[in-house]
C-alpha atoms as a PDB file:
ATOM      1  CA  MET A   1      14.670  -4.739 -11.721  1.00  0.00           C
ATOM      2  CA  ARG A   2      11.490  -5.445  -9.772  1.00  0.00           C
ATOM      3  CA  ARG A   3       9.336  -4.084 -12.614  1.00  0.00           C
ATOM      4  CA  PHE A   4      10.105  -7.127 -14.728  1.00  0.00           C
ATOM      5  CA  ALA A   5       9.725  -9.785 -12.026  1.00  0.00           C
ATOM      6  CA  SER A   6       6.774 -12.140 -12.058  1.00  0.00           C
ATOM      7  CA  TYR A   7       6.041 -14.547  -9.238  1.00  0.00           C
ATOM      8  CA  ASN A   8       3.229 -16.561 -10.806  1.00  0.00           C
ATOM      9  CA  ASN A   9       2.634 -19.774  -8.886  1.00  0.00           C
ATOM     10  CA  CYS A  10       5.547 -19.361  -6.473  1.00  0.00           C
ATOM     11  CA  LEU A  11       4.356 -16.533  -4.199  1.00  0.00           C
ATOM     12  CA  ILE A  12       2.020 -17.446  -1.343  1.00  0.00           C
ATOM     13  CA  LEU A  13      -0.199 -14.683   0.046  1.00  0.00           C
ATOM     14  CA  GLY A  14      -2.181 -14.696   3.241  1.00  0.00           C
ATOM     15  CA  ALA A  15      -4.138 -12.129   5.186  1.00  0.00           C
ATOM     16  CA  ASP A  16      -5.743 -11.703   8.571  1.00  0.00           C
ATOM     17  CA  PRO A  17      -7.033  -8.663  10.479  1.00  0.00           C
ATOM     18  CA  MET A  18      -3.446  -7.863  11.551  1.00  0.00           C
ATOM     19  CA  GLY A  19      -1.690  -7.761   8.162  1.00  0.00           C
ATOM     20  CA  LEU A  20      -0.490  -9.288   4.912  1.00  0.00           C
ATOM     21  CA  LEU A  21       1.762 -12.371   4.765  1.00  0.00           C
ATOM     22  CA  LEU A  22       4.081 -12.956   1.804  1.00  0.00           C
ATOM     23  CA  SER A  23       5.947 -16.225   1.439  1.00  0.00           C
ATOM     24  CA  VAL A  24       7.462 -18.187  -1.430  1.00  0.00           C
ATOM     25  CA  ASN A  25       6.923 -21.759  -2.528  1.00  0.00           C
ATOM     26  CA  VAL A  26       8.957 -24.315  -0.577  1.00  0.00           C
ATOM     27  CA  LEU A  27      11.215 -24.891  -3.607  1.00  0.00           C
ATOM     28  CA  PHE A  28      12.429 -21.275  -3.418  1.00  0.00           C
ATOM     29  CA  ARG A  29      12.191 -20.708   0.350  1.00  0.00           C
ATOM     30  CA  LEU A  30      15.892 -21.124   1.177  1.00  0.00           C
ATOM     31  CA  GLY A  31      17.180 -17.616   1.833  1.00  0.00           C
ATOM     32  CA  HIS A  32      13.719 -16.081   1.449  1.00  0.00           C
ATOM     33  CA  PRO A  33      11.969 -15.971   4.836  1.00  0.00           C
ATOM     34  CA  ALA A  34       8.276 -15.138   5.071  1.00  0.00           C
ATOM     35  CA  LEU A  35       7.423 -11.465   5.321  1.00  0.00           C
ATOM     36  CA  PHE A  36       4.572 -10.071   7.431  1.00  0.00           C
ATOM     37  CA  ILE A  37       3.418  -6.517   6.678  1.00  0.00           C
ATOM     38  CA  PRO A  38       0.937  -4.884   9.084  1.00  0.00           C
ATOM     39  CA  TRP A  39      -2.040  -3.194   7.439  1.00  0.00           C
ATOM     40  CA  ASN A  40      -0.954   0.222   8.706  1.00  0.00           C
ATOM     41  CA  GLU A  41       2.013  -0.078   6.304  1.00  0.00           C
ATOM     42  CA  VAL A  42      -0.154  -0.951   3.269  1.00  0.00           C
ATOM     43  CA  VAL A  43      -1.894   1.579   1.044  1.00  0.00           C
ATOM     44  CA  VAL A  44      -4.362   0.444  -1.630  1.00  0.00           C
ATOM     45  CA  THR A  45      -3.904   2.847  -4.549  1.00  0.00           C
ATOM     46  CA  THR A  46      -6.370   1.377  -7.069  1.00  0.00           C
ATOM     47  CA  ASN A  47      -9.746  -0.145  -6.540  1.00  0.00           C
ATOM     48  CA  ASP A  48     -10.553  -2.373  -9.547  1.00  0.00           C
ATOM     49  CA  TRP A  49     -12.172  -5.409  -7.967  1.00  0.00           C
ATOM     50  CA  SER A  50     -13.173  -7.130 -11.202  1.00  0.00           C
ATOM     51  CA  SER A  51     -11.631 -10.533 -11.834  1.00  0.00           C
ATOM     52  CA  ALA A  52      -9.861  -9.122 -14.920  1.00  0.00           C
ATOM     53  CA  GLY A  53      -8.686  -5.957 -13.161  1.00  0.00           C
ATOM     54  CA  ARG A  54      -5.622  -5.341 -11.058  1.00  0.00           C
ATOM     55  CA  VAL A  55      -5.321  -3.810  -7.644  1.00  0.00           C
ATOM     56  CA  GLU A  56      -2.175  -1.890  -6.814  1.00  0.00           C
ATOM     57  CA  MET A  57      -0.852  -1.551  -3.301  1.00  0.00           C
ATOM     58  CA  LYS A  58       2.103   0.319  -1.868  1.00  0.00           C
ATOM     59  CA  LEU A  59       3.938  -1.711   0.777  1.00  0.00           C
ATOM     60  CA  GLY A  60       5.973  -0.045   3.505  1.00  0.00           C
ATOM     61  CA  GLN A  61       5.954   3.393   5.049  1.00  0.00           C
ATOM     62  CA  SER A  62       9.145   4.934   3.705  1.00  0.00           C
ATOM     63  CA  GLU A  63      10.017   2.894   0.617  1.00  0.00           C
ATOM     64  CA  GLN A  64       6.446   2.469  -0.736  1.00  0.00           C
ATOM     65  CA  VAL A  65       7.150  -0.628  -2.868  1.00  0.00           C
ATOM     66  CA  PRO A  66       4.483  -1.150  -5.569  1.00  0.00           C
ATOM     67  CA  PHE A  67       2.692  -4.505  -5.400  1.00  0.00           C
ATOM     68  CA  ARG A  68       0.073  -5.478  -7.999  1.00  0.00           C
ATOM     69  CA  ILE A  69      -2.352  -8.380  -7.707  1.00  0.00           C
ATOM     70  CA  GLU A  70      -5.383  -9.578  -9.648  1.00  0.00           C
ATOM     71  CA  GLY A  71      -8.768  -8.245  -8.578  1.00  0.00           C
ATOM     72  CA  LEU A  72     -10.097 -11.670  -7.578  1.00  0.00           C
ATOM     73  CA  LEU A  73      -7.112 -12.316  -5.302  1.00  0.00           C
ATOM     74  CA  ALA A  74      -7.491  -8.832  -3.802  1.00  0.00           C
ATOM     75  CA  THR A  75     -11.133  -9.605  -3.008  1.00  0.00           C
ATOM     76  CA  GLN A  76     -10.128 -12.828  -1.259  1.00  0.00           C
ATOM     77  CA  LEU A  77      -7.447 -11.036   0.770  1.00  0.00           C
ATOM     78  CA  ARG A  78      -9.872  -8.227   1.664  1.00  0.00           C
ATOM     79  CA  ASP A  79     -12.421 -10.766   2.890  1.00  0.00           C
ATOM     80  CA  ALA A  80      -9.772 -12.556   4.983  1.00  0.00           C
ATOM     81  CA  ALA A  81      -8.523  -9.254   6.437  1.00  0.00           C
ATOM     82  CA  GLY A  82     -11.984  -8.104   7.497  1.00  0.00           C
ATOM     83  CA  GLN A  83     -11.864  -4.801   9.366  1.00  0.00           C
ATOM     84  CA  GLY A  84      -8.074  -4.618   9.044  1.00  0.00           C
ATOM     85  CA  TRP A  85      -8.142  -4.045   5.273  1.00  0.00           C
ATOM     86  CA  PRO A  86      -6.824  -0.575   4.354  1.00  0.00           C
ATOM     87  CA  MET A  87      -9.369   1.569   2.579  1.00  0.00           C
ATOM     88  CA  PRO A  88      -8.227   3.359  -0.615  1.00  0.00           C
END
């Protein structure tokens, strides 16, 4: 089911040297608490940093949930994460 889900304009992403923060827009927040994923549980599997490209990550250690974001957003998250960003 998750392959067909799109969260355009309702998913809020944040990053710092400790990890990745996922949250949803306030209109959808009821029953969906924010999720913090430490960088040691994130693997970057593609490295297309162009604004038209997509970067794929695997979130979690055992489940390895695929997570795809636009290259420009990935660049912004990488800059915010600094030294914490996982190298591909």
